[in-house]
């Protein structure tokens, strides 16, 4: 399947999920994450969920990070440059939804991408090779290119892997892992 068709199909699948489905599946994903060998690092980049797009609820993962005394990092998007700035998430970090409904830090302690060890990545779909499809703006591909080469890329998905995404681009950066409510996929390890 091609990205365009996958985006349409998986947005539809997501829209069919109830709030209860999202909470239950998000909790299962957070619990599955505990099985990954990623918990000996310091800086974890996490997306703050866009509720109206029915993304994985990352609040459960934030609780894990807090319980393990890890540094959570969140981003602020620049829709002109299609880049992101990254900030340490603390109790004092003020958050505000941008015009797209993305909760973002208004300001805070900036963290360079090269310091981030693990990145939890939002996505619409992924395939059995670890290729992923987001919303199509390329924010995460640009961000991942700025990170150190050994940063761990973890996709979070409500749905299982597709066989193959047929139109992967040379600028697309794949995953190391993808976690669904029922399974952990491992790539490039």
N, C-alpha and C. Protein backbone atom coordinates (compact mmCIF):
# COMPACT_ATOMS: atom_id res chain seq x y z
N UNK A 1 0.83 -1.19 0.00
CA UNK A 1 0.00 0.00 0.00
C UNK A 1 0.87 1.25 0.00
N UNK A 2 0.32 2.32 -0.55
CA UNK A 2 1.03 3.59 -0.58
C UNK A 2 0.63 4.43 0.63
N UNK A 3 1.53 5.37 1.00
CA UNK A 3 1.32 6.20 2.19
C UNK A 3 -0.03 6.90 2.19
N UNK A 4 -0.39 7.49 1.08
CA UNK A 4 -1.65 8.24 1.00
C UNK A 4 -2.84 7.36 1.37
N UNK A 5 -2.89 6.15 0.80
CA UNK A 5 -4.00 5.23 1.08
C UNK A 5 -3.96 4.72 2.53
N UNK A 6 -2.74 4.49 3.02
CA UNK A 6 -2.60 4.03 4.41
C UNK A 6 -3.08 5.10 5.37
N UNK A 7 -2.71 6.35 5.11
CA UNK A 7 -3.15 7.45 5.99
C UNK A 7 -4.67 7.50 6.07
N UNK A 8 -5.32 7.40 4.93
CA UNK A 8 -6.79 7.44 4.91
C UNK A 8 -7.36 6.27 5.71
N UNK A 9 -6.86 5.06 5.45
CA UNK A 9 -7.38 3.86 6.11
C UNK A 9 -7.16 3.89 7.62
N UNK A 10 -5.96 4.34 8.05
CA UNK A 10 -5.65 4.27 9.47
C UNK A 10 -6.26 5.43 10.27
N UNK A 11 -6.50 6.56 9.63
CA UNK A 11 -7.26 7.62 10.30
C UNK A 11 -8.69 7.12 10.56
N UNK A 12 -9.25 6.43 9.57
CA UNK A 12 -10.60 5.87 9.71
C UNK A 12 -10.63 4.83 10.85
N UNK A 13 -9.62 3.94 10.89
CA UNK A 13 -9.55 2.94 11.96
C UNK A 13 -9.47 3.60 13.34
N UNK A 14 -8.65 4.65 13.43
CA UNK A 14 -8.53 5.36 14.70
C UNK A 14 -9.84 6.02 15.10
N UNK A 15 -10.52 6.62 14.13
CA UNK A 15 -11.78 7.30 14.43
C UNK A 15 -12.84 6.35 14.95
N UNK A 16 -12.71 5.08 14.64
CA UNK A 16 -13.67 4.08 15.11
C UNK A 16 -13.43 3.66 16.56
N UNK A 17 -12.28 4.06 17.13
CA UNK A 17 -11.98 3.70 18.52
C UNK A 17 -12.77 4.59 19.48
N UNK A 18 -13.30 3.97 20.53
CA UNK A 18 -13.98 4.73 21.57
C UNK A 18 -12.93 5.27 22.55
N UNK A 19 -13.35 6.18 23.41
CA UNK A 19 -12.44 6.70 24.44
C UNK A 19 -11.96 5.58 25.34
N UNK A 20 -12.85 4.63 25.64
CA UNK A 20 -12.48 3.50 26.48
C UNK A 20 -11.43 2.63 25.77
N UNK A 21 -11.61 2.41 24.45
CA UNK A 21 -10.62 1.65 23.68
C UNK A 21 -9.25 2.31 23.76
N UNK A 22 -9.24 3.62 23.58
CA UNK A 22 -7.98 4.36 23.57
C UNK A 22 -7.28 4.25 24.93
N UNK A 23 -8.03 4.41 26.00
CA UNK A 23 -7.43 4.32 27.33
C UNK A 23 -6.89 2.91 27.60
N UNK A 24 -7.69 1.90 27.28
CA UNK A 24 -7.29 0.52 27.51
C UNK A 24 -6.06 0.15 26.68
N UNK A 25 -6.07 0.49 25.41
CA UNK A 25 -4.94 0.18 24.52
C UNK A 25 -3.69 0.97 24.91
N UNK A 26 -3.88 2.23 25.31
CA UNK A 26 -2.74 3.05 25.72
C UNK A 26 -2.08 2.50 26.98
N UNK A 27 -2.89 2.03 27.93
CA UNK A 27 -2.34 1.42 29.14
C UNK A 27 -1.59 0.13 28.80
N UNK A 28 -2.14 -0.67 27.89
CA UNK A 28 -1.45 -1.90 27.47
C UNK A 28 -0.11 -1.58 26.81
N UNK A 29 -0.08 -0.55 25.98
CA UNK A 29 1.17 -0.15 25.33
C UNK A 29 2.20 0.28 26.38
N UNK A 30 1.77 1.09 27.35
CA UNK A 30 2.69 1.53 28.41
C UNK A 30 3.24 0.33 29.18
N UNK A 31 2.39 -0.63 29.49
CA UNK A 31 2.86 -1.82 30.22
C UNK A 31 3.83 -2.65 29.38
N UNK A 32 3.57 -2.76 28.08
CA UNK A 32 4.48 -3.49 27.18
C UNK A 32 5.84 -2.81 27.11
N UNK A 33 5.85 -1.47 27.15
CA UNK A 33 7.12 -0.73 27.09
C UNK A 33 8.08 -1.16 28.21
N UNK A 34 7.54 -1.56 29.34
CA UNK A 34 8.37 -1.97 30.47
C UNK A 34 9.24 -3.19 30.13
N UNK A 35 8.86 -3.94 29.09
CA UNK A 35 9.61 -5.13 28.68
C UNK A 35 10.82 -4.78 27.80
N UNK A 36 10.88 -3.53 27.30
CA UNK A 36 11.98 -3.14 26.42
C UNK A 36 13.25 -2.83 27.21
N UNK A 37 14.43 -3.07 26.61
CA UNK A 37 15.70 -2.76 27.28
C UNK A 37 16.10 -1.29 27.07
N UNK A 38 15.22 -0.38 27.48
CA UNK A 38 15.46 1.05 27.21
C UNK A 38 15.50 1.88 28.48
N UNK A 39 15.51 1.25 29.63
CA UNK A 39 15.30 2.01 30.86
C UNK A 39 16.57 2.42 31.58
N UNK A 40 17.73 2.26 30.94
CA UNK A 40 18.99 2.67 31.58
C UNK A 40 19.51 3.99 31.02
N UNK A 41 18.66 4.74 30.33
CA UNK A 41 19.05 6.03 29.76
C UNK A 41 18.54 7.17 30.63
N UNK A 42 18.86 8.40 30.24
CA UNK A 42 18.47 9.57 31.02
C UNK A 42 17.37 10.42 30.39
N UNK A 43 17.50 10.74 29.07
CA UNK A 43 16.57 11.66 28.43
C UNK A 43 15.65 10.94 27.46
N UNK A 44 14.34 11.07 27.70
CA UNK A 44 13.31 10.39 26.93
C UNK A 44 12.39 11.44 26.29
N UNK A 45 12.38 11.47 24.98
CA UNK A 45 11.49 12.39 24.27
C UNK A 45 10.13 11.72 24.13
N UNK A 46 9.09 12.45 24.49
CA UNK A 46 7.74 11.88 24.41
C UNK A 46 6.80 12.92 23.80
N UNK A 47 5.88 12.46 23.00
CA UNK A 47 4.89 13.38 22.44
C UNK A 47 3.72 13.47 23.40
N UNK A 48 3.12 14.64 23.44
CA UNK A 48 1.91 14.83 24.23
C UNK A 48 0.74 14.62 23.27
N UNK A 49 -0.15 13.76 23.63
CA UNK A 49 -1.21 13.27 22.74
C UNK A 49 -2.15 14.36 22.25
N UNK A 50 -2.52 14.26 20.98
CA UNK A 50 -3.54 15.11 20.39
C UNK A 50 -4.85 14.34 20.51
N UNK A 51 -5.67 14.73 21.46
CA UNK A 51 -6.88 13.96 21.78
C UNK A 51 -7.84 13.85 20.60
N UNK A 52 -8.06 14.94 19.85
CA UNK A 52 -9.05 14.87 18.77
C UNK A 52 -8.58 13.99 17.60
N UNK A 53 -7.27 13.69 17.54
CA UNK A 53 -6.76 12.76 16.53
C UNK A 53 -6.69 11.32 17.05
N UNK A 54 -7.13 11.15 18.29
CA UNK A 54 -7.19 9.83 18.92
C UNK A 54 -5.83 9.13 18.91
N UNK A 55 -4.80 9.88 19.33
CA UNK A 55 -3.45 9.31 19.46
C UNK A 55 -3.34 8.48 20.73
N UNK A 56 -2.30 7.68 20.79
CA UNK A 56 -1.99 6.93 22.00
C UNK A 56 -1.87 7.93 23.15
N UNK A 57 -2.53 7.65 24.27
CA UNK A 57 -2.46 8.51 25.44
C UNK A 57 -1.13 8.24 26.15
N UNK A 58 -0.25 9.23 26.11
CA UNK A 58 1.10 9.04 26.67
C UNK A 58 1.19 9.38 28.16
N UNK A 59 0.08 9.73 28.79
CA UNK A 59 0.11 10.02 30.23
C UNK A 59 0.62 8.83 31.03
N UNK A 60 0.26 7.62 30.62
CA UNK A 60 0.71 6.41 31.32
C UNK A 60 2.23 6.28 31.23
N UNK A 61 2.79 6.61 30.08
CA UNK A 61 4.25 6.54 29.89
C UNK A 61 4.93 7.63 30.72
N UNK A 62 4.33 8.80 30.78
CA UNK A 62 4.88 9.87 31.62
C UNK A 62 4.95 9.42 33.08
N UNK A 63 3.94 8.69 33.55
CA UNK A 63 3.96 8.18 34.93
C UNK A 63 5.12 7.21 35.12
N UNK A 64 5.37 6.37 34.12
CA UNK A 64 6.50 5.44 34.20
C UNK A 64 7.81 6.22 34.28
N UNK A 65 7.97 7.21 33.40
CA UNK A 65 9.19 8.02 33.40
C UNK A 65 9.39 8.71 34.74
N UNK A 66 8.33 9.27 35.29
CA UNK A 66 8.43 9.92 36.60
C UNK A 66 8.80 8.91 37.68
N UNK A 67 8.17 7.74 37.65
CA UNK A 67 8.44 6.71 38.64
C UNK A 67 9.86 6.19 38.58
N UNK A 68 10.45 6.22 37.39
CA UNK A 68 11.83 5.77 37.22
C UNK A 68 12.82 6.92 37.31
N UNK A 69 12.33 8.11 37.67
CA UNK A 69 13.16 9.31 37.82
C UNK A 69 13.96 9.63 36.55
N UNK A 70 13.26 9.56 35.41
CA UNK A 70 13.87 9.87 34.11
C UNK A 70 13.49 11.28 33.69
N UNK A 71 14.28 11.85 32.79
CA UNK A 71 14.01 13.18 32.25
C UNK A 71 13.11 13.05 31.04
N UNK A 72 11.92 13.64 31.12
CA UNK A 72 11.00 13.65 29.98
C UNK A 72 11.21 14.95 29.21
N UNK A 73 11.26 14.82 27.88
CA UNK A 73 11.47 15.96 26.99
C UNK A 73 10.29 16.03 26.03
N UNK A 74 9.74 17.23 25.85
CA UNK A 74 8.61 17.44 24.93
C UNK A 74 8.97 18.54 23.94
N UNK A 75 8.25 18.58 22.84
CA UNK A 75 8.60 19.49 21.75
C UNK A 75 7.59 20.60 21.55
N UNK A 76 8.08 21.64 20.91
CA UNK A 76 7.27 22.74 20.41
C UNK A 76 7.53 22.80 18.91
N UNK A 77 6.47 22.76 18.11
CA UNK A 77 6.58 22.71 16.65
C UNK A 77 6.59 24.11 16.05
N UNK A 78 7.40 24.25 15.00
CA UNK A 78 7.43 25.49 14.22
C UNK A 78 6.91 25.12 12.83
N UNK A 79 5.68 25.53 12.52
CA UNK A 79 5.06 25.12 11.27
C UNK A 79 5.58 25.90 10.05
N UNK A 80 6.38 26.93 10.29
CA UNK A 80 7.02 27.63 9.17
C UNK A 80 8.26 26.89 8.71
N UNK A 81 9.12 26.52 9.66
CA UNK A 81 10.37 25.81 9.32
C UNK A 81 10.17 24.30 9.30
N UNK A 82 9.05 23.82 9.83
CA UNK A 82 8.75 22.40 10.01
C UNK A 82 9.78 21.72 10.92
N UNK A 83 10.30 22.50 11.87
CA UNK A 83 11.24 21.99 12.85
C UNK A 83 10.62 21.97 14.24
N UNK A 84 11.38 21.48 15.20
CA UNK A 84 10.89 21.41 16.57
C UNK A 84 11.99 21.86 17.53
N UNK A 85 11.58 22.48 18.63
CA UNK A 85 12.47 22.77 19.74
C UNK A 85 12.04 21.84 20.87
N UNK A 86 13.00 21.43 21.70
CA UNK A 86 12.73 20.41 22.71
C UNK A 86 13.01 20.97 24.10
N UNK A 87 12.08 20.68 25.02
CA UNK A 87 12.16 21.23 26.37
C UNK A 87 11.98 20.14 27.42
N UNK A 88 12.74 20.28 28.51
CA UNK A 88 12.58 19.40 29.65
C UNK A 88 11.18 19.62 30.23
N UNK A 89 10.46 18.55 30.46
CA UNK A 89 9.12 18.64 31.04
C UNK A 89 9.24 18.52 32.56
N UNK A 90 8.91 19.59 33.25
CA UNK A 90 8.93 19.61 34.71
C UNK A 90 7.54 20.01 35.20
N UNK A 91 7.36 19.98 36.51
CA UNK A 91 6.08 20.43 37.08
C UNK A 91 5.83 21.90 36.78
N UNK A 92 6.90 22.66 36.53
CA UNK A 92 6.78 24.10 36.29
C UNK A 92 6.68 24.46 34.80
N UNK A 93 6.73 23.47 33.91
CA UNK A 93 6.68 23.76 32.48
C UNK A 93 5.24 24.09 32.07
N UNK A 94 5.01 25.33 31.61
CA UNK A 94 3.65 25.69 31.18
C UNK A 94 3.34 25.09 29.81
N UNK A 95 2.18 24.44 29.70
CA UNK A 95 1.76 23.82 28.45
C UNK A 95 0.55 24.54 27.90
N UNK A 96 0.49 24.63 26.56
CA UNK A 96 -0.65 25.25 25.90
C UNK A 96 -0.84 24.56 24.55
N UNK A 97 -2.09 24.29 24.18
CA UNK A 97 -2.36 23.67 22.89
C UNK A 97 -2.13 24.70 21.78
N UNK A 98 -1.42 24.29 20.73
CA UNK A 98 -1.21 25.20 19.59
C UNK A 98 -2.45 25.17 18.69
N UNK A 99 -2.38 25.85 17.56
CA UNK A 99 -3.54 25.95 16.67
C UNK A 99 -3.95 24.60 16.07
N UNK A 100 -3.07 23.61 16.11
CA UNK A 100 -3.38 22.26 15.61
C UNK A 100 -3.88 21.35 16.73
N UNK A 101 -3.95 21.87 17.95
CA UNK A 101 -4.42 21.06 19.08
C UNK A 101 -3.32 20.26 19.74
N UNK A 102 -2.05 20.57 19.43
CA UNK A 102 -0.93 19.85 20.01
C UNK A 102 -0.52 20.54 21.31
N UNK A 103 -0.56 19.84 22.46
CA UNK A 103 -0.09 20.44 23.70
C UNK A 103 1.42 20.66 23.61
N UNK A 104 1.86 21.90 23.89
CA UNK A 104 3.28 22.22 23.76
C UNK A 104 3.74 23.07 24.94
N UNK A 105 5.05 23.00 25.25
CA UNK A 105 5.59 23.88 26.27
C UNK A 105 5.64 25.31 25.74
N UNK A 106 5.28 26.26 26.57
CA UNK A 106 5.35 27.66 26.15
C UNK A 106 6.81 28.14 26.19
N UNK A 107 7.55 27.66 27.19
CA UNK A 107 8.98 27.95 27.33
C UNK A 107 9.52 26.96 28.35
N UNK A 108 10.82 27.00 28.59
CA UNK A 108 11.40 26.09 29.58
C UNK A 108 12.88 25.88 29.33
N UNK A 109 13.39 24.80 29.87
CA UNK A 109 14.81 24.45 29.74
C UNK A 109 14.96 23.69 28.42
N UNK A 110 15.67 24.28 27.47
CA UNK A 110 15.82 23.66 26.16
C UNK A 110 16.85 22.52 26.23
N UNK A 111 16.52 21.42 25.55
CA UNK A 111 17.38 20.25 25.49
C UNK A 111 17.77 20.01 24.03
N UNK A 112 19.07 19.98 23.71
CA UNK A 112 19.48 19.72 22.32
C UNK A 112 19.13 18.29 21.91
N UNK A 113 18.76 18.07 20.64
CA UNK A 113 18.41 16.72 20.18
C UNK A 113 19.51 15.69 20.43
N UNK A 114 20.78 16.12 20.41
CA UNK A 114 21.89 15.19 20.59
C UNK A 114 21.95 14.61 22.00
N UNK A 115 21.22 15.20 22.94
CA UNK A 115 21.22 14.69 24.32
C UNK A 115 20.10 13.68 24.56
N UNK A 116 19.19 13.55 23.61
CA UNK A 116 18.03 12.68 23.80
C UNK A 116 18.40 11.24 23.48
N UNK A 117 18.11 10.35 24.41
CA UNK A 117 18.50 8.94 24.29
C UNK A 117 17.42 8.07 23.65
N UNK A 118 16.17 8.27 24.05
CA UNK A 118 15.06 7.44 23.59
C UNK A 118 13.96 8.38 23.09
N UNK A 119 13.38 8.05 21.93
CA UNK A 119 12.31 8.87 21.36
C UNK A 119 11.08 7.99 21.17
N UNK A 120 9.99 8.36 21.82
CA UNK A 120 8.70 7.70 21.60
C UNK A 120 8.03 8.45 20.45
N UNK A 121 7.68 7.74 19.39
CA UNK A 121 7.24 8.37 18.15
C UNK A 121 5.77 8.09 17.86
N UNK A 122 5.00 9.17 17.62
CA UNK A 122 3.61 8.97 17.20
C UNK A 122 3.59 8.53 15.75
N UNK A 123 2.61 7.74 15.38
CA UNK A 123 2.51 7.31 13.98
C UNK A 123 1.09 6.87 13.69
N UNK A 124 0.78 6.81 12.40
CA UNK A 124 -0.52 6.29 11.98
C UNK A 124 -0.43 4.79 11.72
N UNK A 125 0.69 4.38 11.10
CA UNK A 125 0.88 2.97 10.77
C UNK A 125 2.36 2.69 10.60
N UNK A 126 2.72 1.41 10.58
CA UNK A 126 4.11 0.99 10.38
C UNK A 126 4.09 -0.37 9.71
N UNK A 127 5.26 -0.76 9.16
CA UNK A 127 5.31 -2.06 8.50
C UNK A 127 6.31 -3.00 9.20
N UNK A 128 6.41 -4.21 8.69
CA UNK A 128 7.21 -5.25 9.33
C UNK A 128 8.72 -5.00 9.22
N UNK A 129 9.12 -3.99 8.46
CA UNK A 129 10.53 -3.61 8.36
C UNK A 129 10.87 -2.44 9.30
N UNK A 130 9.84 -1.89 9.97
CA UNK A 130 10.07 -0.78 10.87
C UNK A 130 9.91 0.59 10.23
N UNK A 131 9.41 0.61 9.00
CA UNK A 131 9.11 1.89 8.35
C UNK A 131 7.79 2.39 8.93
N UNK A 132 7.65 3.71 9.00
CA UNK A 132 6.48 4.28 9.66
C UNK A 132 5.86 5.38 8.82
N UNK A 133 4.60 5.64 9.11
CA UNK A 133 3.88 6.73 8.45
C UNK A 133 3.29 7.61 9.53
N UNK A 134 3.62 8.90 9.44
CA UNK A 134 3.02 9.89 10.33
C UNK A 134 1.97 10.68 9.56
N UNK A 135 1.87 11.95 9.90
CA UNK A 135 0.86 12.80 9.26
C UNK A 135 1.34 13.42 7.96
N UNK A 136 2.62 13.25 7.62
CA UNK A 136 3.09 13.68 6.31
C UNK A 136 3.87 14.99 6.26
N UNK A 137 4.07 15.64 7.39
CA UNK A 137 4.82 16.91 7.39
C UNK A 137 6.32 16.71 7.56
N UNK A 138 6.75 15.53 8.03
CA UNK A 138 8.18 15.24 8.17
C UNK A 138 8.84 15.80 9.41
N UNK A 139 8.05 16.25 10.40
CA UNK A 139 8.64 16.79 11.63
C UNK A 139 9.59 15.80 12.29
N UNK A 140 9.13 14.57 12.45
CA UNK A 140 9.95 13.59 13.16
C UNK A 140 11.16 13.14 12.34
N UNK A 141 11.05 13.04 11.03
CA UNK A 141 12.22 12.68 10.23
C UNK A 141 13.31 13.73 10.38
N UNK A 142 12.94 15.01 10.34
CA UNK A 142 13.94 16.08 10.51
C UNK A 142 14.53 16.03 11.92
N UNK A 143 13.68 15.84 12.93
CA UNK A 143 14.14 15.75 14.31
C UNK A 143 15.09 14.56 14.50
N UNK A 144 14.72 13.40 13.99
CA UNK A 144 15.55 12.20 14.18
C UNK A 144 16.92 12.34 13.52
N UNK A 145 17.01 13.08 12.45
CA UNK A 145 18.31 13.32 11.80
C UNK A 145 19.22 14.17 12.67
N UNK A 146 18.64 14.98 13.56
CA UNK A 146 19.43 15.81 14.46
C UNK A 146 19.91 15.05 15.70
N UNK A 147 19.28 13.92 16.00
CA UNK A 147 19.62 13.14 17.18
C UNK A 147 20.90 12.34 16.94
N UNK A 148 21.50 11.88 18.04
CA UNK A 148 22.69 11.04 17.90
C UNK A 148 22.31 9.73 17.23
N UNK A 149 23.25 9.12 16.56
CA UNK A 149 22.98 7.92 15.77
C UNK A 149 22.47 6.74 16.56
N UNK A 150 22.81 6.67 17.84
CA UNK A 150 22.40 5.51 18.63
C UNK A 150 21.17 5.78 19.50
N UNK A 151 20.46 6.89 19.25
CA UNK A 151 19.22 7.12 20.00
C UNK A 151 18.21 6.03 19.60
N UNK A 152 17.42 5.62 20.55
CA UNK A 152 16.49 4.51 20.35
C UNK A 152 15.13 5.07 19.93
N UNK A 153 14.64 4.60 18.79
CA UNK A 153 13.39 5.09 18.21
C UNK A 153 12.28 4.06 18.44
N UNK A 154 11.27 4.45 19.24
CA UNK A 154 10.20 3.54 19.64
C UNK A 154 8.86 4.09 19.14
N UNK A 155 8.25 3.40 18.19
CA UNK A 155 6.93 3.78 17.71
C UNK A 155 5.86 3.24 18.65
N UNK A 156 4.74 3.96 18.72
CA UNK A 156 3.60 3.54 19.53
C UNK A 156 2.39 3.45 18.61
N UNK A 157 1.77 2.27 18.55
CA UNK A 157 0.67 2.07 17.61
C UNK A 157 -0.45 1.25 18.23
N UNK A 158 -1.68 1.67 17.95
CA UNK A 158 -2.84 0.88 18.38
C UNK A 158 -2.99 -0.39 17.53
N UNK A 159 -2.40 -0.40 16.34
CA UNK A 159 -2.64 -1.46 15.36
C UNK A 159 -1.35 -2.21 15.04
N UNK A 160 -1.52 -3.43 14.55
CA UNK A 160 -0.36 -4.27 14.22
C UNK A 160 0.27 -3.82 12.89
N UNK A 161 1.42 -4.40 12.59
CA UNK A 161 2.22 -3.99 11.42
C UNK A 161 1.56 -4.36 10.10
N UNK A 162 1.74 -3.48 9.13
CA UNK A 162 1.40 -3.77 7.73
C UNK A 162 2.52 -4.65 7.17
N UNK A 163 2.24 -5.36 6.09
CA UNK A 163 3.31 -6.13 5.45
C UNK A 163 4.39 -5.22 4.90
N UNK A 164 3.97 -4.20 4.13
CA UNK A 164 4.96 -3.32 3.50
C UNK A 164 4.32 -1.99 3.11
N UNK A 165 5.07 -0.92 3.37
CA UNK A 165 4.71 0.41 2.87
C UNK A 165 5.49 0.55 1.56
N UNK A 166 4.80 0.71 0.45
CA UNK A 166 5.46 0.59 -0.85
C UNK A 166 6.23 1.83 -1.31
N UNK A 167 5.94 2.99 -0.75
CA UNK A 167 6.60 4.21 -1.26
C UNK A 167 7.41 4.93 -0.18
N UNK A 168 8.30 4.18 0.45
CA UNK A 168 9.21 4.76 1.46
C UNK A 168 10.21 5.65 0.73
N UNK A 169 10.49 6.80 1.34
CA UNK A 169 11.40 7.79 0.78
C UNK A 169 12.78 7.67 1.44
N UNK A 170 13.82 8.12 0.78
CA UNK A 170 15.17 8.05 1.35
C UNK A 170 15.30 8.89 2.62
N UNK A 171 14.44 9.89 2.79
CA UNK A 171 14.48 10.73 3.99
C UNK A 171 13.70 10.15 5.15
N UNK A 172 12.95 9.08 4.93
CA UNK A 172 12.18 8.45 6.00
C UNK A 172 13.12 7.67 6.92
N UNK A 173 12.96 7.89 8.20
CA UNK A 173 13.79 7.20 9.19
C UNK A 173 12.93 6.17 9.90
N UNK A 174 13.40 4.93 9.92
CA UNK A 174 12.65 3.82 10.50
C UNK A 174 12.80 3.73 12.01
N UNK A 175 12.13 2.75 12.56
CA UNK A 175 12.06 2.52 13.99
C UNK A 175 13.05 1.44 14.42
N UNK A 176 13.39 1.46 15.71
CA UNK A 176 14.11 0.35 16.33
C UNK A 176 13.12 -0.64 16.93
N UNK A 177 12.04 -0.10 17.48
CA UNK A 177 10.96 -0.90 18.06
C UNK A 177 9.62 -0.25 17.71
N UNK A 178 8.57 -1.06 17.72
CA UNK A 178 7.22 -0.51 17.73
C UNK A 178 6.42 -1.35 18.71
N UNK A 179 5.68 -0.67 19.56
CA UNK A 179 4.91 -1.34 20.60
C UNK A 179 3.42 -1.12 20.34
N UNK A 180 2.70 -2.22 20.32
CA UNK A 180 1.24 -2.20 20.17
C UNK A 180 0.65 -2.75 21.47
N UNK A 181 -0.65 -2.73 21.63
CA UNK A 181 -1.22 -3.29 22.86
C UNK A 181 -0.90 -4.77 23.07
N UNK A 182 -0.62 -5.50 21.99
CA UNK A 182 -0.42 -6.95 22.09
C UNK A 182 0.97 -7.45 21.77
N UNK A 183 1.84 -6.60 21.22
CA UNK A 183 3.09 -7.13 20.70
C UNK A 183 4.19 -6.06 20.68
N UNK A 184 5.43 -6.52 20.79
CA UNK A 184 6.60 -5.68 20.61
C UNK A 184 7.28 -6.13 19.31
N UNK A 185 7.46 -5.20 18.38
CA UNK A 185 8.19 -5.46 17.14
C UNK A 185 9.61 -4.91 17.32
N UNK A 186 10.59 -5.69 16.91
CA UNK A 186 11.99 -5.27 17.01
C UNK A 186 12.57 -5.21 15.60
N UNK A 187 13.25 -4.10 15.30
CA UNK A 187 13.86 -3.89 13.98
C UNK A 187 15.33 -3.49 14.18
N UNK A 188 16.16 -3.74 13.20
CA UNK A 188 17.54 -3.24 13.17
C UNK A 188 18.35 -3.56 14.42
N UNK A 189 18.03 -4.59 15.14
CA UNK A 189 18.77 -4.91 16.37
C UNK A 189 19.68 -6.10 16.16
